Amino acid sequence: MIDRITEQPFCQTRVMCRAVDNLELLLSQPDESVDLIYCDILYGTGKNFGDYKDLKPIRSEIESHYLPRLIEMKRVLKSTGSIFLQMDNKINHWVRLIMDDIFGYDNFRNEIIWCYRQGGRSESNYSQKHDTIYWYSKSNSQWIFNGDSVRIPYEGTGGYQTSGKGVVINGKVYKPNELGKIPEDWWDIPAIPPMSKERIGYATQKPKALIERIIKASSNEGDTVADYYLGSGTTAVVCKELNRNFIGCDINPKA
């Protein structure tokens, strides 16, 4: 294994120049050393994506893979930290149960739905065009949420009067925040177009805008963000751009 430390003005990056199992890396990390974890996990499709072979959609296989890793992720997460796990509908029901057991039912913060429109449309079913992102905090009393950093502008008047009086609901006046609105828990963020310059040729690459929203809202500048299923490396790129330190790991040599 070749390790090297690359120091930049705003970020220290540890680059591990070999494919590494994330459990191996997690076991080497100290307690409460990470501020935020985001992972676009294995979805349990049983498919070979070329870049990697996915887990089979078998409950025992899912549990044997994720239980030891999530236990370690909780250990390395700081008391003010959060974890976001992204998946589709193949195994999200099993993962939710595992997360409740490890992080605690009361530490479940939200279920976020990422909506996208890429690919074909079904003529015999509702189109399956969304991912689930589970958000858990390590503590039930404190966690980072920088709402102002992810506010989005109102479209037109957004249903609000432009006179500054706001909107009246049941006789009470609500004025919109001048910075915009905090996003709902469903995110309409486009998938990366096939010919986009953002694409690097990794099969399951996710858009930067999706990961940026999570990192901006749930970490601060100088914090450490970890992605133990790094894949295309988008999390690392976003962290560098947002002045966060990052830890990236993937077992696939192509990652």
Protein backbone atom coordinates (compact mmCIF):
# COMPACT_ATOMS: atom_id res chain seq x y z
CA MET A 1 0.00 0.00 0.00
CA ILE A 2 1.21 3.50 -0.83
CA ASP A 3 -0.10 6.32 1.37
CA ARG A 4 0.53 9.95 0.75
CA ILE A 5 -0.59 13.14 2.45
CA THR A 6 -1.48 16.02 0.15
CA GLU A 7 -1.80 19.30 2.05
CA GLN A 8 -3.78 22.10 0.47
CA PRO A 9 -4.56 25.59 1.83
CA PHE A 10 -7.95 24.52 3.12
CA CYS A 11 -7.92 20.75 3.21
CA GLN A 12 -5.74 17.85 4.23
CA THR A 13 -6.39 14.85 2.05
CA ARG A 14 -5.24 11.32 2.83
CA VAL A 15 -5.08 9.28 -0.36
CA MET A 16 -4.90 5.51 0.06
CA CYS A 17 -3.56 4.17 -3.22
CA ARG A 18 -5.17 0.76 -3.20
CA ALA A 19 -8.63 -0.73 -3.08
CA VAL A 20 -9.57 -1.22 0.56
CA ASP A 21 -12.51 -2.79 2.36
CA ASN A 22 -14.35 -0.08 4.25
CA LEU A 23 -14.60 -2.24 7.37
CA GLU A 24 -10.79 -2.45 7.46
CA LEU A 25 -10.54 1.32 7.29
CA LEU A 26 -13.30 1.88 9.86
CA LEU A 27 -11.62 -0.42 12.38
CA SER A 28 -8.46 1.67 12.10
CA GLN A 29 -10.18 4.98 12.86
CA PRO A 30 -10.41 6.57 16.33
CA ASP A 31 -13.68 7.10 18.20
CA GLU A 32 -15.69 10.23 17.41
CA SER A 33 -13.38 11.47 14.66
CA VAL A 34 -15.88 12.14 11.86
CA ASP A 35 -18.46 14.95 11.67
CA LEU A 36 -20.59 13.65 8.81
CA ILE A 37 -20.99 10.36 6.93
CA TYR A 38 -22.60 10.15 3.51
CA CYS A 39 -22.71 6.85 1.66
CA ASP A 40 -24.35 5.90 -1.62
CA ILE A 41 -24.42 2.27 -0.49
CA LEU A 42 -24.74 -1.03 -2.33
CA TYR A 43 -28.40 -1.30 -3.34
CA GLY A 44 -28.82 -5.07 -3.18
CA THR A 45 -29.78 -5.56 -6.83
CA GLY A 46 -27.58 -8.61 -7.32
CA LYS A 47 -26.39 -7.08 -10.60
CA ASN A 48 -22.92 -6.66 -12.02
CA PHE A 49 -22.54 -2.99 -12.93
CA GLY A 50 -19.14 -3.45 -14.54
CA ASP A 51 -17.56 -1.13 -12.01
CA TYR A 52 -18.65 -3.40 -9.14
CA LYS A 53 -20.72 -6.46 -8.23
CA ASP A 54 -23.72 -5.59 -6.09
CA LEU A 55 -24.98 -7.56 -3.10
CA LYS A 56 -27.83 -9.98 -3.61
CA PRO A 57 -31.28 -8.89 -2.32
CA ILE A 58 -31.21 -11.45 0.48
CA ARG A 59 -31.88 -10.21 4.00
CA SER A 60 -29.18 -12.33 5.64
CA GLU A 61 -26.57 -11.08 3.16
CA ILE A 62 -27.64 -7.47 3.61
CA GLU A 63 -27.51 -7.74 7.40
CA SER A 64 -24.15 -9.53 7.48
CA HIS A 65 -22.64 -6.82 5.29
CA TYR A 66 -24.10 -3.71 6.91
CA LEU A 67 -24.33 -4.56 10.61
CA PRO A 68 -20.59 -4.55 11.40
CA ARG A 69 -19.96 -1.52 9.19
CA LEU A 70 -22.76 0.60 10.61
CA ILE A 71 -21.73 -0.26 14.17
CA GLU A 72 -18.27 1.12 13.36
CA MET A 73 -19.71 4.15 11.57
CA LYS A 74 -21.63 5.05 14.71
CA ARG A 75 -18.46 4.65 16.79
CA VAL A 76 -16.36 6.99 14.63
CA LEU A 77 -19.13 9.60 14.34
CA LYS A 78 -18.93 12.58 16.69
CA SER A 79 -21.75 13.21 19.16
CA THR A 80 -22.97 16.12 17.02
CA GLY A 81 -22.61 14.13 13.80
CA SER A 82 -25.07 12.77 11.27
CA ILE A 83 -25.14 9.89 8.82
CA PHE A 84 -26.93 9.85 5.46
CA LEU A 85 -27.38 6.54 3.62
CA GLN A 86 -28.68 6.53 0.05
CA MET A 87 -30.37 3.53 -1.64
CA ASP A 88 -33.37 2.58 -3.76
CA ASN A 89 -36.41 0.47 -2.87
CA LYS A 90 -34.70 -2.94 -3.04
CA ILE A 91 -33.38 -3.01 0.53
CA ASN A 92 -34.47 0.26 2.18
CA HIS A 93 -36.92 -1.53 4.51
CA TRP A 94 -34.16 -3.78 5.86
CA VAL A 95 -31.66 -0.92 6.16
CA ARG A 96 -34.18 1.18 8.11
CA LEU A 97 -34.55 -1.63 10.67
CA ILE A 98 -30.78 -1.99 10.98
CA MET A 99 -30.35 1.77 11.42
CA ASP A 100 -33.08 1.89 14.08
CA ASP A 101 -31.30 -0.87 16.00
CA ILE A 102 -27.84 0.72 15.79
CA PHE A 103 -28.49 4.47 15.89
CA GLY A 104 -31.80 4.35 17.74
CA TYR A 105 -35.36 4.95 16.61
CA ASP A 106 -35.41 8.36 18.33
CA ASN A 107 -32.33 9.46 16.36
CA PHE A 108 -34.08 9.06 13.02
CA ARG A 109 -34.25 12.59 11.65
CA ASN A 110 -35.86 12.21 8.23
CA GLU A 111 -36.43 10.16 5.11
CA ILE A 112 -35.43 12.18 2.07
CA ILE A 113 -36.60 11.24 -1.41
CA TRP A 114 -34.39 12.16 -4.35
CA CYS A 115 -36.52 12.43 -7.51
CA TYR A 116 -34.98 12.25 -10.97
CA ARG A 117 -36.18 11.66 -14.52
CA GLN A 118 -33.34 9.86 -16.27
CA GLY A 119 -34.02 6.73 -18.33
CA GLY A 120 -37.12 5.18 -19.86
CA ARG A 121 -40.70 5.19 -18.63
CA SER A 122 -42.82 2.20 -17.73
CA GLU A 123 -46.14 1.64 -19.52
CA SER A 124 -47.34 -0.97 -17.02
CA ASN A 125 -46.30 0.56 -13.69
CA TYR A 126 -45.46 3.85 -12.00
CA SER A 127 -41.99 4.85 -13.11
CA GLN A 128 -39.36 4.02 -10.48
CA LYS A 129 -37.46 7.30 -10.51
CA HIS A 130 -36.41 7.99 -6.94
CA ASP A 131 -33.86 7.04 -4.28
CA THR A 132 -34.33 7.00 -0.52
CA ILE A 133 -31.85 8.80 1.75
CA TYR A 134 -32.09 8.01 5.47
CA TRP A 135 -30.80 10.67 7.85
CA TYR A 136 -29.89 9.72 11.42
CA SER A 137 -28.08 11.77 14.03
CA LYS A 138 -25.86 10.18 16.65
CA SER A 139 -27.57 12.18 19.40
CA ASN A 140 -31.23 12.99 19.93
CA SER A 141 -30.39 16.36 21.46
CA GLN A 142 -27.81 17.94 19.16
CA TRP A 143 -26.93 17.76 15.51
CA ILE A 144 -25.75 20.16 12.81
CA PHE A 145 -28.33 21.65 10.47
CA ASN A 146 -27.34 24.79 8.57
CA GLY A 147 -30.73 25.56 7.07
CA ASP A 148 -29.76 28.94 5.62
CA SER A 149 -26.96 27.36 3.59
CA VAL A 150 -29.39 25.28 1.53
CA ARG A 151 -32.31 27.68 1.11
CA ILE A 152 -33.62 27.91 -2.43
CA PRO A 153 -35.24 30.99 -4.02
CA TYR A 154 -39.01 31.12 -4.33
CA GLU A 155 -40.22 30.58 -7.86
CA GLY A 156 -41.97 33.77 -8.88
CA THR A 157 -44.06 34.83 -5.93
CA GLY A 158 -44.07 31.22 -4.65
CA GLY A 159 -47.65 31.67 -3.53
CA TYR A 160 -46.69 34.66 -1.39
CA GLN A 161 -47.85 38.21 -1.82
CA THR A 162 -45.13 40.51 -3.14
CA SER A 163 -46.30 43.40 -0.99
CA GLY A 164 -44.35 42.10 1.98
CA LYS A 165 -47.47 41.21 3.92
CA GLY A 166 -46.81 37.51 3.43
CA VAL A 167 -49.43 34.81 3.12
CA VAL A 168 -52.41 34.49 5.43
CA ILE A 169 -53.29 31.03 6.76
CA ASN A 170 -56.18 30.74 9.21
CA GLY A 171 -55.92 34.42 9.97
CA LYS A 172 -52.20 34.32 10.77
CA VAL A 173 -49.66 36.08 8.56
CA TYR A 174 -46.57 34.12 7.54
CA LYS A 175 -43.76 36.03 5.88
CA PRO A 176 -41.28 34.19 3.69
CA ASN A 177 -37.61 34.20 4.60
CA GLU A 178 -35.85 36.63 2.29
CA LEU A 179 -33.12 34.03 1.67
CA GLY A 180 -35.63 31.58 0.26
CA LYS A 181 -37.16 28.38 1.59
CA ILE A 182 -35.57 25.33 3.15
CA PRO A 183 -36.08 22.40 0.76
CA GLU A 184 -38.82 19.88 1.38
CA ASP A 185 -37.83 16.30 2.19
CA TRP A 186 -38.25 15.39 -1.48
CA TRP A 187 -35.52 16.75 -3.72
CA ASP A 188 -36.15 17.29 -7.41
CA ILE A 189 -32.52 17.31 -8.56
CA PRO A 190 -31.78 16.16 -12.13
CA ALA A 191 -29.60 13.11 -12.67
CA ILE A 192 -26.39 13.76 -14.58
CA PRO A 193 -27.18 13.98 -18.32
CA PRO A 194 -25.33 11.43 -20.49
CA MET A 195 -23.19 14.07 -22.22
CA SER A 196 -22.56 16.24 -19.16
CA LYS A 197 -18.99 17.39 -18.47
CA GLU A 198 -19.60 16.32 -14.88
CA ARG A 199 -19.66 12.65 -15.92
CA ILE A 200 -16.44 10.69 -15.41
CA GLY A 201 -17.61 7.28 -16.65
CA TYR A 202 -18.48 5.62 -13.33
CA ALA A 203 -21.70 3.61 -13.58
CA THR A 204 -23.54 4.91 -10.51
CA GLN A 205 -22.19 8.47 -10.28
CA LYS A 206 -24.49 10.87 -8.41
CA PRO A 207 -24.85 14.60 -9.17
CA LYS A 208 -22.74 17.07 -7.23
CA ALA A 209 -25.82 19.16 -6.43
CA LEU A 210 -27.30 16.29 -4.42
CA ILE A 211 -24.23 15.75 -2.26
CA GLU A 212 -23.58 19.48 -1.90
CA ARG A 213 -26.95 19.95 -0.22
CA ILE A 214 -26.19 17.28 2.39
CA ILE A 215 -22.66 18.50 3.12
CA LYS A 216 -23.64 22.18 3.34
CA ALA A 217 -26.55 21.52 5.68
CA SER A 218 -24.99 18.91 7.98
CA SER A 219 -21.35 19.99 8.35
CA ASN A 220 -19.28 23.14 8.77
CA GLU A 221 -16.09 24.34 7.10
CA GLY A 222 -13.09 22.42 8.41
CA ASP A 223 -15.20 19.42 9.46
CA THR A 224 -14.34 15.88 8.41
CA VAL A 225 -16.72 14.10 6.05
CA ALA A 226 -16.43 10.38 5.30
CA ASP A 227 -17.75 8.35 2.38
CA TYR A 228 -17.06 4.63 2.77
CA TYR A 229 -18.58 3.72 -0.62
CA LEU A 230 -16.75 6.43 -2.52
CA GLY A 231 -17.37 5.16 -6.06
CA SER A 232 -16.96 8.03 -8.49
CA GLY A 233 -15.30 10.22 -5.86
CA THR A 234 -17.93 12.96 -6.06
CA THR A 235 -18.09 13.34 -2.27
CA ALA A 236 -14.36 14.04 -2.13
CA VAL A 237 -14.60 16.65 -4.88
CA VAL A 238 -17.51 18.42 -3.19
CA CYS A 239 -15.68 18.41 0.15
CA LYS A 240 -12.63 20.08 -1.38
CA GLU A 241 -14.81 22.73 -3.00
CA LEU A 242 -16.68 23.39 0.28
CA ASN A 243 -13.58 23.49 2.49
CA ARG A 244 -14.23 20.22 4.28
CA ASN A 245 -11.71 17.50 5.05
CA PHE A 246 -12.67 14.12 3.69
CA ILE A 247 -12.04 10.41 4.06
CA GLY A 248 -12.83 8.28 1.03
CA CYS A 249 -12.76 4.52 0.67
CA ASP A 250 -13.85 1.92 -1.88
CA ILE A 251 -13.03 -1.74 -2.44
CA ASN A 252 -13.25 -1.38 -6.22
CA PRO A 253 -9.92 -0.58 -7.96
CA LYS A 254 -11.84 1.41 -10.59
CA ALA A 255 -13.36 3.74 -8.01
